[in-house]
Amino acid sequence: MSVFNEWLSEDEDDIFMGSPKSKFFDVSREASVDVVEDEWDKVIEKLAVLEMMLSEGKGEDFDINQVIKQYTFDNIEKVNAVKKGLYVEFTGEIICRLDS
């Protein structure tokens, strides 16, 4: 298993390393408010685009939240893995901007 994969699957309760989620929030608390707000705006924009893409041509009765809940239920392990990867990505984006 690579070091990256080990980091993604680390123990959520490990006080020395922490989870990707805990590291994201550690970094976001220490970073400039402007940087964090800008990165969150990028996340919301990405989410808006993904929702638009998923909803396109589905009609007025399409319930995107129900589709997301069902997909999450059916694919929880994959969803959690991607979620951890996104925390790592977003943490990296904030860290890269700390000196700018």
PDB file of N, CA and C in Angstrom:
ATOM      1  N   MET A   1       0.850  -1.180   0.000  1.00  0.00           N
ATOM      2  CA  MET A   1       0.000   0.000   0.000  1.00  0.00           C
ATOM      3  C   MET A   1       0.894   1.241   0.000  1.00  0.00           C
ATOM      4  N   SER A   2       0.596   2.212  -0.837  1.00  0.00           N
ATOM      5  CA  SER A   2       1.410   3.412  -0.903  1.00  0.00           C
ATOM      6  C   SER A   2       1.205   4.284   0.326  1.00  0.00           C
ATOM      7  N   VAL A   3       2.123   5.192   0.542  1.00  0.00           N
ATOM      8  CA  VAL A   3       2.015   6.117   1.673  1.00  0.00           C
ATOM      9  C   VAL A   3       0.738   6.935   1.557  1.00  0.00           C
ATOM     10  N   PHE A   4       0.396   7.369   0.329  1.00  0.00           N
ATOM     11  CA  PHE A   4      -0.821   8.151   0.117  1.00  0.00           C
ATOM     12  C   PHE A   4      -2.049   7.357   0.535  1.00  0.00           C
ATOM     13  N   ASN A   5      -2.132   6.088   0.101  1.00  0.00           N
ATOM     14  CA  ASN A   5      -3.270   5.251   0.472  1.00  0.00           C
ATOM     15  C   ASN A   5      -3.321   4.993   1.969  1.00  0.00           C
ATOM     16  N   GLU A   6      -2.148   4.852   2.589  1.00  0.00           N
ATOM     17  CA  GLU A   6      -2.119   4.671   4.037  1.00  0.00           C
ATOM     18  C   GLU A   6      -2.646   5.910   4.739  1.00  0.00           C
ATOM     19  N   TRP A   7      -2.311   7.095   4.223  1.00  0.00           N
ATOM     20  CA  TRP A   7      -2.787   8.327   4.836  1.00  0.00           C
ATOM     21  C   TRP A   7      -4.300   8.438   4.722  1.00  0.00           C
ATOM     22  N   LEU A   8      -4.841   8.036   3.565  1.00  0.00           N
ATOM     23  CA  LEU A   8      -6.287   8.105   3.375  1.00  0.00           C
ATOM     24  C   LEU A   8      -7.034   7.120   4.258  1.00  0.00           C
ATOM     25  N   SER A   9      -6.384   6.016   4.612  1.00  0.00           N
ATOM     26  CA  SER A   9      -7.072   5.003   5.409  1.00  0.00           C
ATOM     27  C   SER A   9      -6.634   5.019   6.864  1.00  0.00           C
ATOM     28  N   GLU A  10      -5.942   6.076   7.278  1.00  0.00           N
ATOM     29  CA  GLU A  10      -5.448   6.129   8.646  1.00  0.00           C
ATOM     30  C   GLU A  10      -6.587   6.123   9.657  1.00  0.00           C
ATOM     31  N   ASP A  11      -6.256   5.816  10.873  1.00  0.00           N
ATOM     32  CA  ASP A  11      -7.205   5.785  11.969  1.00  0.00           C
ATOM     33  C   ASP A  11      -7.729   7.194  12.232  1.00  0.00           C
ATOM     34  N   GLU A  12      -9.038   7.357  12.184  1.00  0.00           N
ATOM     35  CA  GLU A  12      -9.659   8.660  12.392  1.00  0.00           C
ATOM     36  C   GLU A  12      -9.335   9.240  13.775  1.00  0.00           C
ATOM     37  N   ASP A  13      -9.035   8.371  14.731  1.00  0.00           N
ATOM     38  CA  ASP A  13      -8.798   8.814  16.101  1.00  0.00           C
ATOM     39  C   ASP A  13      -7.326   8.975  16.440  1.00  0.00           C
ATOM     40  N   ASP A  14      -6.433   8.821  15.490  1.00  0.00           N
ATOM     41  CA  ASP A  14      -5.007   8.948  15.722  1.00  0.00           C
ATOM     42  C   ASP A  14      -4.696  10.413  16.034  1.00  0.00           C
ATOM     43  N   ILE A  15      -4.321  10.705  17.292  1.00  0.00           N
ATOM     44  CA  ILE A  15      -4.125  12.093  17.703  1.00  0.00           C
ATOM     45  C   ILE A  15      -2.881  12.725  17.097  1.00  0.00           C
ATOM     46  N   PHE A  16      -1.938  11.910  16.625  1.00  0.00           N
ATOM     47  CA  PHE A  16      -0.713  12.456  16.065  1.00  0.00           C
ATOM     48  C   PHE A  16      -0.871  12.825  14.599  1.00  0.00           C
ATOM     49  N   MET A  17      -1.635  12.079  13.871  1.00  0.00           N
ATOM     50  CA  MET A  17      -1.789  12.335  12.445  1.00  0.00           C
ATOM     51  C   MET A  17      -3.136  12.976  12.144  1.00  0.00           C
ATOM     52  N   GLY A  18      -4.209  12.390  12.599  1.00  0.00           N
ATOM     53  CA  GLY A  18      -5.538  12.894  12.302  1.00  0.00           C
ATOM     54  C   GLY A  18      -6.015  12.440  10.938  1.00  0.00           C
ATOM     55  N   SER A  19      -7.259  12.652  10.698  1.00  0.00           N
ATOM     56  CA  SER A  19      -7.868  12.272   9.430  1.00  0.00           C
ATOM     57  C   SER A  19      -7.697  13.407   8.419  1.00  0.00           C
ATOM     58  N   PRO A  20      -7.903  13.120   7.144  1.00  0.00           N
ATOM     59  CA  PRO A  20      -7.876  14.205   6.157  1.00  0.00           C
ATOM     60  C   PRO A  20      -8.874  15.311   6.515  1.00  0.00           C
ATOM     61  N   LYS A  21     -10.020  14.929   7.045  1.00  0.00           N
ATOM     62  CA  LYS A  21     -11.027  15.920   7.449  1.00  0.00           C
ATOM     63  C   LYS A  21     -10.481  16.801   8.572  1.00  0.00           C
ATOM     64  N   SER A  22      -9.883  16.195   9.603  1.00  0.00           N
ATOM     65  CA  SER A  22      -9.383  16.993  10.723  1.00  0.00           C
ATOM     66  C   SER A  22      -8.233  17.896  10.283  1.00  0.00           C
ATOM     67  N   LYS A  23      -7.380  17.398   9.383  1.00  0.00           N
ATOM     68  CA  LYS A  23      -6.279  18.217   8.885  1.00  0.00           C
ATOM     69  C   LYS A  23      -6.806  19.393   8.065  1.00  0.00           C
ATOM     70  N   PHE A  24      -7.850  19.174   7.273  1.00  0.00           N
ATOM     71  CA  PHE A  24      -8.451  20.259   6.503  1.00  0.00           C
ATOM     72  C   PHE A  24      -8.922  21.363   7.438  1.00  0.00           C
ATOM     73  N   PHE A  25      -9.635  20.985   8.495  1.00  0.00           N
ATOM     74  CA  PHE A  25     -10.154  21.996   9.406  1.00  0.00           C
ATOM     75  C   PHE A  25      -9.037  22.643  10.222  1.00  0.00           C
ATOM     76  N   ASP A  26      -7.991  21.903  10.559  1.00  0.00           N
ATOM     77  CA  ASP A  26      -6.827  22.504  11.223  1.00  0.00           C
ATOM     78  C   ASP A  26      -6.222  23.595  10.343  1.00  0.00           C
ATOM     79  N   VAL A  27      -6.000  23.248   9.082  1.00  0.00           N
ATOM     80  CA  VAL A  27      -5.396  24.201   8.141  1.00  0.00           C
ATOM     81  C   VAL A  27      -6.326  25.375   7.894  1.00  0.00           C
ATOM     82  N   SER A  28      -7.612  25.120   7.725  1.00  0.00           N
ATOM     83  CA  SER A  28      -8.539  26.208   7.412  1.00  0.00           C
ATOM     84  C   SER A  28      -8.706  27.170   8.586  1.00  0.00           C
ATOM     85  N   ARG A  29      -8.527  26.681   9.819  1.00  0.00           N
ATOM     86  CA  ARG A  29      -8.599  27.576  10.987  1.00  0.00           C
ATOM     87  C   ARG A  29      -7.370  28.481  11.089  1.00  0.00           C
ATOM     88  N   GLU A  30      -6.251  28.016  10.555  1.00  0.00           N
ATOM     89  CA  GLU A  30      -5.010  28.779  10.650  1.00  0.00           C
ATOM     90  C   GLU A  30      -4.781  29.700   9.447  1.00  0.00           C
ATOM     91  N   ALA A  31      -5.447  29.436   8.354  1.00  0.00           N
ATOM     92  CA  ALA A  31      -5.237  30.207   7.131  1.00  0.00           C
ATOM     93  C   ALA A  31      -6.025  31.513   7.170  1.00  0.00           C
ATOM     94  N   SER A  32      -5.676  32.385   6.278  1.00  0.00           N
ATOM     95  CA  SER A  32      -6.370  33.660   6.123  1.00  0.00           C
ATOM     96  C   SER A  32      -7.845  33.411   5.803  1.00  0.00           C
ATOM     97  N   VAL A  33      -8.704  34.211   6.409  1.00  0.00           N
ATOM     98  CA  VAL A  33     -10.145  34.100   6.161  1.00  0.00           C
ATOM     99  C   VAL A  33     -10.431  34.292   4.676  1.00  0.00           C
ATOM    100  N   ASP A  34      -9.741  35.239   4.042  1.00  0.00           N
ATOM    101  CA  ASP A  34      -9.966  35.493   2.615  1.00  0.00           C
ATOM    102  C   ASP A  34      -9.633  34.270   1.763  1.00  0.00           C
ATOM    103  N   VAL A  35      -8.536  33.592   2.084  1.00  0.00           N
ATOM    104  CA  VAL A  35      -8.132  32.399   1.338  1.00  0.00           C
ATOM    105  C   VAL A  35      -9.171  31.305   1.516  1.00  0.00           C
ATOM    106  N   VAL A  36      -9.583  31.064   2.747  1.00  0.00           N
ATOM    107  CA  VAL A  36     -10.559  30.007   3.026  1.00  0.00           C
ATOM    108  C   VAL A  36     -11.898  30.319   2.355  1.00  0.00           C
ATOM    109  N   GLU A  37     -12.348  31.565   2.436  1.00  0.00           N
ATOM    110  CA  GLU A  37     -13.605  31.947   1.787  1.00  0.00           C
ATOM    111  C   GLU A  37     -13.533  31.754   0.282  1.00  0.00           C
ATOM    112  N   ASP A  38     -12.401  32.111  -0.309  1.00  0.00           N
ATOM    113  CA  ASP A  38     -12.223  31.950  -1.754  1.00  0.00           C
ATOM    114  C   ASP A  38     -12.245  30.468  -2.143  1.00  0.00           C
ATOM    115  N   GLU A  39     -11.573  29.634  -1.344  1.00  0.00           N
ATOM    116  CA  GLU A  39     -11.571  28.196  -1.627  1.00  0.00           C
ATOM    117  C   GLU A  39     -12.973  27.604  -1.458  1.00  0.00           C
ATOM    118  N   TRP A  40     -13.707  28.034  -0.447  1.00  0.00           N
ATOM    119  CA  TRP A  40     -15.084  27.557  -0.276  1.00  0.00           C
ATOM    120  C   TRP A  40     -15.953  27.988  -1.451  1.00  0.00           C
ATOM    121  N   ASP A  41     -15.734  29.205  -1.961  1.00  0.00           N
ATOM    122  CA  ASP A  41     -16.495  29.660  -3.120  1.00  0.00           C
ATOM    123  C   ASP A  41     -16.243  28.755  -4.316  1.00  0.00           C
ATOM    124  N   LYS A  42     -14.996  28.315  -4.485  1.00  0.00           N
ATOM    125  CA  LYS A  42     -14.668  27.384  -5.572  1.00  0.00           C
ATOM    126  C   LYS A  42     -15.383  26.045  -5.381  1.00  0.00           C
ATOM    127  N   VAL A  43     -15.459  25.568  -4.141  1.00  0.00           N
ATOM    128  CA  VAL A  43     -16.146  24.303  -3.851  1.00  0.00           C
ATOM    129  C   VAL A  43     -17.634  24.428  -4.176  1.00  0.00           C
ATOM    130  N   ILE A  44     -18.249  25.529  -3.751  1.00  0.00           N
ATOM    131  CA  ILE A  44     -19.675  25.731  -4.010  1.00  0.00           C
ATOM    132  C   ILE A  44     -19.940  25.856  -5.506  1.00  0.00           C
ATOM    133  N   GLU A  45     -19.056  26.537  -6.227  1.00  0.00           N
ATOM    134  CA  GLU A  45     -19.212  26.645  -7.679  1.00  0.00           C
ATOM    135  C   GLU A  45     -19.134  25.267  -8.332  1.00  0.00           C
ATOM    136  N   LYS A  46     -18.167  24.458  -7.891  1.00  0.00           N
ATOM    137  CA  LYS A  46     -18.026  23.103  -8.423  1.00  0.00           C
ATOM    138  C   LYS A  46     -19.285  22.282  -8.138  1.00  0.00           C
ATOM    139  N   LEU A  47     -19.818  22.404  -6.945  1.00  0.00           N
ATOM    140  CA  LEU A  47     -21.040  21.699  -6.576  1.00  0.00           C
ATOM    141  C   LEU A  47     -22.220  22.157  -7.434  1.00  0.00           C
ATOM    142  N   ALA A  48     -22.315  23.456  -7.664  1.00  0.00           N
ATOM    143  CA  ALA A  48     -23.397  23.988  -8.495  1.00  0.00           C
ATOM    144  C   ALA A  48     -23.331  23.418  -9.911  1.00  0.00           C
ATOM    145  N   VAL A  49     -22.125  23.377 -10.473  1.00  0.00           N
ATOM    146  CA  VAL A  49     -21.951  22.835 -11.827  1.00  0.00           C
ATOM    147  C   VAL A  49     -22.326  21.355 -11.857  1.00  0.00           C
ATOM    148  N   LEU A  50     -21.874  20.599 -10.867  1.00  0.00           N
ATOM    149  CA  LEU A  50     -22.182  19.165 -10.828  1.00  0.00           C
ATOM    150  C   LEU A  50     -23.695  18.928 -10.686  1.00  0.00           C
ATOM    151  N   GLU A  51     -24.366  19.724  -9.862  1.00  0.00           N
ATOM    152  CA  GLU A  51     -25.811  19.598  -9.732  1.00  0.00           C
ATOM    153  C   GLU A  51     -26.514  19.931 -11.041  1.00  0.00           C
ATOM    154  N   MET A  52     -26.051  20.983 -11.704  1.00  0.00           N
ATOM    155  CA  MET A  52     -26.654  21.349 -12.983  1.00  0.00           C
ATOM    156  C   MET A  52     -26.462  20.233 -14.008  1.00  0.00           C
ATOM    157  N   MET A  53     -25.269  19.657 -14.055  1.00  0.00           N
ATOM    158  CA  MET A  53     -24.985  18.584 -14.999  1.00  0.00           C
ATOM    159  C   MET A  53     -25.858  17.363 -14.722  1.00  0.00           C
ATOM    160  N   LEU A  54     -26.010  17.020 -13.457  1.00  0.00           N
ATOM    161  CA  LEU A  54     -26.790  15.850 -13.086  1.00  0.00           C
ATOM    162  C   LEU A  54     -28.289  16.060 -13.341  1.00  0.00           C
ATOM    163  N   SER A  55     -28.752  17.293 -13.168  1.00  0.00           N
ATOM    164  CA  SER A  55     -30.181  17.598 -13.309  1.00  0.00           C
ATOM    165  C   SER A  55     -30.602  17.900 -14.740  1.00  0.00           C
ATOM    166  N   GLU A  56     -29.646  18.164 -15.600  1.00  0.00           N
ATOM    167  CA  GLU A  56     -29.939  18.590 -16.969  1.00  0.00           C
ATOM    168  C   GLU A  56     -30.869  17.606 -17.680  1.00  0.00           C
ATOM    169  N   GLY A  57     -31.994  18.137 -18.165  1.00  0.00           N
ATOM    170  CA  GLY A  57     -32.937  17.345 -18.939  1.00  0.00           C
ATOM    171  C   GLY A  57     -33.783  16.366 -18.131  1.00  0.00           C
ATOM    172  N   LYS A  58     -33.773  16.470 -16.816  1.00  0.00           N
ATOM    173  CA  LYS A  58     -34.499  15.508 -15.978  1.00  0.00           C
ATOM    174  C   LYS A  58     -35.928  15.936 -15.637  1.00  0.00           C
ATOM    175  N   GLY A  59     -36.311  17.178 -15.885  1.00  0.00           N
ATOM    176  CA  GLY A  59     -37.664  17.638 -15.603  1.00  0.00           C
ATOM    177  C   GLY A  59     -37.812  18.218 -14.203  1.00  0.00           C
ATOM    178  N   GLU A  60     -38.994  18.794 -13.949  1.00  0.00           N
ATOM    179  CA  GLU A  60     -39.242  19.496 -12.696  1.00  0.00           C
ATOM    180  C   GLU A  60     -39.364  18.575 -11.487  1.00  0.00           C
ATOM    181  N   ASP A  61     -39.772  17.330 -11.695  1.00  0.00           N
ATOM    182  CA  ASP A  61     -39.984  16.407 -10.582  1.00  0.00           C
ATOM    183  C   ASP A  61     -38.706  15.710 -10.123  1.00  0.00           C
ATOM    184  N   PHE A  62     -37.597  15.980 -10.774  1.00  0.00           N
ATOM    185  CA  PHE A  62     -36.328  15.353 -10.437  1.00  0.00           C
ATOM    186  C   PHE A  62     -35.854  15.850  -9.073  1.00  0.00           C
ATOM    187  N   ASP A  63     -35.610  14.926  -8.148  1.00  0.00           N
ATOM    188  CA  ASP A  63     -35.150  15.263  -6.797  1.00  0.00           C
ATOM    189  C   ASP A  63     -33.682  14.871  -6.658  1.00  0.00           C
ATOM    190  N   ILE A  64     -32.817  15.839  -6.865  1.00  0.00           N
ATOM    191  CA  ILE A  64     -31.386  15.573  -6.841  1.00  0.00           C
ATOM    192  C   ILE A  64     -30.926  15.078  -5.480  1.00  0.00           C
ATOM    193  N   ASN A  65     -31.532  15.590  -4.412  1.00  0.00           N
ATOM    194  CA  ASN A  65     -31.126  15.156  -3.074  1.00  0.00           C
ATOM    195  C   ASN A  65     -31.429  13.678  -2.842  1.00  0.00           C
ATOM    196  N   GLN A  66     -32.528  13.202  -3.368  1.00  0.00           N
ATOM    197  CA  GLN A  66     -32.865  11.781  -3.232  1.00  0.00           C
ATOM    198  C   GLN A  66     -31.895  10.918  -4.038  1.00  0.00           C
ATOM    199  N   VAL A  67     -31.538  11.377  -5.220  1.00  0.00           N
ATOM    200  CA  VAL A  67     -30.573  10.650  -6.049  1.00  0.00           C
ATOM    201  C   VAL A  67     -29.228  10.561  -5.327  1.00  0.00           C
ATOM    202  N   ILE A  68     -28.812  11.666  -4.734  1.00  0.00           N
ATOM    203  CA  ILE A  68     -27.543  11.693  -4.004  1.00  0.00           C
ATOM    204  C   ILE A  68     -27.594  10.771  -2.794  1.00  0.00           C
ATOM    205  N   LYS A  69     -28.681  10.807  -2.041  1.00  0.00           N
ATOM    206  CA  LYS A  69     -28.819   9.923  -0.865  1.00  0.00           C
ATOM    207  C   LYS A  69     -28.761   8.455  -1.273  1.00  0.00           C
ATOM    208  N   GLN A  70     -29.461   8.100  -2.331  1.00  0.00           N
ATOM    209  CA  GLN A  70     -29.473   6.713  -2.785  1.00  0.00           C
ATOM    210  C   GLN A  70     -28.097   6.284  -3.282  1.00  0.00           C
ATOM    211  N   TYR A  71     -27.434   7.152  -4.045  1.00  0.00           N
ATOM    212  CA  TYR A  71     -26.100   6.829  -4.544  1.00  0.00           C
ATOM    213  C   TYR A  71     -25.128   6.643  -3.379  1.00  0.00           C
ATOM    214  N   THR A  72     -25.209   7.513  -2.394  1.00  0.00           N
ATOM    215  CA  THR A  72     -24.349   7.406  -1.216  1.00  0.00           C
ATOM    216  C   THR A  72     -24.608   6.096  -0.493  1.00  0.00           C
ATOM    217  N   PHE A  73     -25.875   5.749  -0.308  1.00  0.00           N
ATOM    218  CA  PHE A  73     -26.233   4.499   0.354  1.00  0.00           C
ATOM    219  C   PHE A  73     -25.667   3.296  -0.395  1.00  0.00           C
ATOM    220  N   ASP A  74     -25.770   3.324  -1.708  1.00  0.00           N
ATOM    221  CA  ASP A  74     -25.314   2.202  -2.532  1.00  0.00           C
ATOM    222  C   ASP A  74     -23.788   2.118  -2.668  1.00  0.00           C
ATOM    223  N   ASN A  75     -23.093   3.229  -2.424  1.00  0.00           N
ATOM    224  CA  ASN A  75     -21.649   3.296  -2.681  1.00  0.00           C
ATOM    225  C   ASN A  75     -20.873   3.941  -1.537  1.00  0.00           C
ATOM    226  N   ILE A  76     -21.274   3.695  -0.312  1.00  0.00           N
ATOM    227  CA  ILE A  76     -20.736   4.423   0.836  1.00  0.00           C
ATOM    228  C   ILE A  76     -19.214   4.332   0.945  1.00  0.00           C
ATOM    229  N   GLU A  77     -18.617   3.180   0.707  1.00  0.00           N
ATOM    230  CA  GLU A  77     -17.162   3.048   0.836  1.00  0.00           C
ATOM    231  C   GLU A  77     -16.430   3.888  -0.209  1.00  0.00           C
ATOM    232  N   LYS A  78     -16.902   3.837  -1.442  1.00  0.00           N
ATOM    233  CA  LYS A  78     -16.288   4.642  -2.498  1.00  0.00           C
ATOM    234  C   LYS A  78     -16.485   6.133  -2.228  1.00  0.00           C
ATOM    235  N   VAL A  79     -17.668   6.494  -1.787  1.00  0.00           N
ATOM    236  CA  VAL A  79     -17.958   7.899  -1.478  1.00  0.00           C
ATOM    237  C   VAL A  79     -17.018   8.391  -0.388  1.00  0.00           C
ATOM    238  N   ASN A  80     -16.840   7.609   0.663  1.00  0.00           N
ATOM    239  CA  ASN A  80     -15.950   8.020   1.752  1.00  0.00           C
ATOM    240  C   ASN A  80     -14.505   8.145   1.286  1.00  0.00           C
ATOM    241  N   ALA A  81     -14.074   7.271   0.403  1.00  0.00           N
ATOM    242  CA  ALA A  81     -12.713   7.352  -0.127  1.00  0.00           C
ATOM    243  C   ALA A  81     -12.524   8.623  -0.955  1.00  0.00           C
ATOM    244  N   VAL A  82     -13.489   8.925  -1.805  1.00  0.00           N
ATOM    245  CA  VAL A  82     -13.399  10.142  -2.619  1.00  0.00           C
ATOM    246  C   VAL A  82     -13.480  11.375  -1.726  1.00  0.00           C
ATOM    247  N   LYS A  83     -14.329  11.321  -0.722  1.00  0.00           N
ATOM    248  CA  LYS A  83     -14.469  12.433   0.217  1.00  0.00           C
ATOM    249  C   LYS A  83     -13.138  12.723   0.917  1.00  0.00           C
ATOM    250  N   LYS A  84     -12.454  11.687   1.365  1.00  0.00           N
ATOM    251  CA  LYS A  84     -11.139  11.875   1.991  1.00  0.00           C
ATOM    252  C   LYS A  84     -10.167  12.491   1.000  1.00  0.00           C
ATOM    253  N   GLY A  85     -10.194  12.016  -0.232  1.00  0.00           N
ATOM    254  CA  GLY A  85      -9.319  12.575  -1.264  1.00  0.00           C
ATOM    255  C   GLY A  85      -9.602  14.046  -1.521  1.00  0.00           C
ATOM    256  N   LEU A  86     -10.868  14.422  -1.489  1.00  0.00           N
ATOM    257  CA  LEU A  86     -11.220  15.826  -1.688  1.00  0.00           C
ATOM    258  C   LEU A  86     -10.757  16.681  -0.518  1.00  0.00           C
ATOM    259  N   TYR A  87     -10.849  16.159   0.704  1.00  0.00           N
ATOM    260  CA  TYR A  87     -10.312  16.897   1.850  1.00  0.00           C
ATOM    261  C   TYR A  87      -8.815  17.143   1.657  1.00  0.00           C
ATOM    262  N   VAL A  88      -8.093  16.135   1.174  1.00  0.00           N
ATOM    263  CA  VAL A  88      -6.659  16.283   0.919  1.00  0.00           C
ATOM    264  C   VAL A  88      -6.442  17.347  -0.157  1.00  0.00           C
ATOM    265  N   GLU A  89      -7.216  17.289  -1.237  1.00  0.00           N
ATOM    266  CA  GLU A  89      -7.089  18.267  -2.324  1.00  0.00           C
ATOM    267  C   GLU A  89      -7.353  19.684  -1.825  1.00  0.00           C
ATOM    268  N   PHE A  90      -8.439  19.876  -1.097  1.00  0.00           N
ATOM    269  CA  PHE A  90      -8.796  21.216  -0.636  1.00  0.00           C
ATOM    270  C   PHE A  90      -7.803  21.739   0.397  1.00  0.00           C
ATOM    271  N   THR A  91      -7.280  20.847   1.232  1.00  0.00           N
ATOM    272  CA  THR A  91      -6.245  21.246   2.184  1.00  0.00           C
ATOM    273  C   THR A  91      -5.009  21.718   1.439  1.00  0.00           C
ATOM    274  N   GLY A  92      -4.631  20.992   0.407  1.00  0.00           N
ATOM    275  CA  GLY A  92      -3.486  21.370  -0.409  1.00  0.00           C
ATOM    276  C   GLY A  92      -3.679  22.713  -1.085  1.00  0.00           C
ATOM    277  N   GLU A  93      -4.888  22.972  -1.564  1.00  0.00           N
ATOM    278  CA  GLU A  93      -5.184  24.252  -2.204  1.00  0.00           C
ATOM    279  C   GLU A  93      -4.993  25.409  -1.229  1.00  0.00           C
ATOM    280  N   ILE A  94      -5.444  25.234  -0.004  1.00  0.00           N
ATOM    281  CA  ILE A  94      -5.287  26.287   1.012  1.00  0.00           C
ATOM    282  C   ILE A  94      -3.811  26.453   1.367  1.00  0.00           C
ATOM    283  N   ILE A  95      -3.112  25.344   1.582  1.00  0.00           N
ATOM    284  CA  ILE A  95      -1.700  25.413   1.944  1.00  0.00           C
ATOM    285  C   ILE A  95      -0.881  26.095   0.858  1.00  0.00           C
ATOM    286  N   CYS A  96      -1.185  25.793  -0.399  1.00  0.00           N
ATOM    287  CA  CYS A  96      -0.447  26.407  -1.511  1.00  0.00           C
ATOM    288  C   CYS A  96      -0.629  27.918  -1.561  1.00  0.00           C
ATOM    289  N   ARG A  97      -1.709  28.400  -0.997  1.00  0.00           N
ATOM    290  CA  ARG A  97      -1.986  29.839  -1.041  1.00  0.00           C
ATOM    291  C   ARG A  97      -1.539  30.567   0.224  1.00  0.00           C
ATOM    292  N   LEU A  98      -1.004  29.864   1.203  1.00  0.00           N
ATOM    293  CA  LEU A  98      -0.630  30.501   2.476  1.00  0.00           C
ATOM    294  C   LEU A  98       0.427  31.583   2.301  1.00  0.00           C
ATOM    295  N   ASP A  99       1.356  31.395   1.388  1.00  0.00           N
ATOM    296  CA  ASP A  99       2.424  32.370   1.208  1.00  0.00           C
ATOM    297  C   ASP A  99       2.097  33.430   0.161  1.00  0.00           C
ATOM    298  N   SER A 100       0.952  33.285  -0.484  1.00  0.00           N
ATOM    299  CA  SER A 100       0.645  34.250  -1.553  1.00  0.00           C
ATOM    300  C   SER A 100      -0.062  35.481  -1.041  1.00  0.00           C
TER     301      SER A 100
END
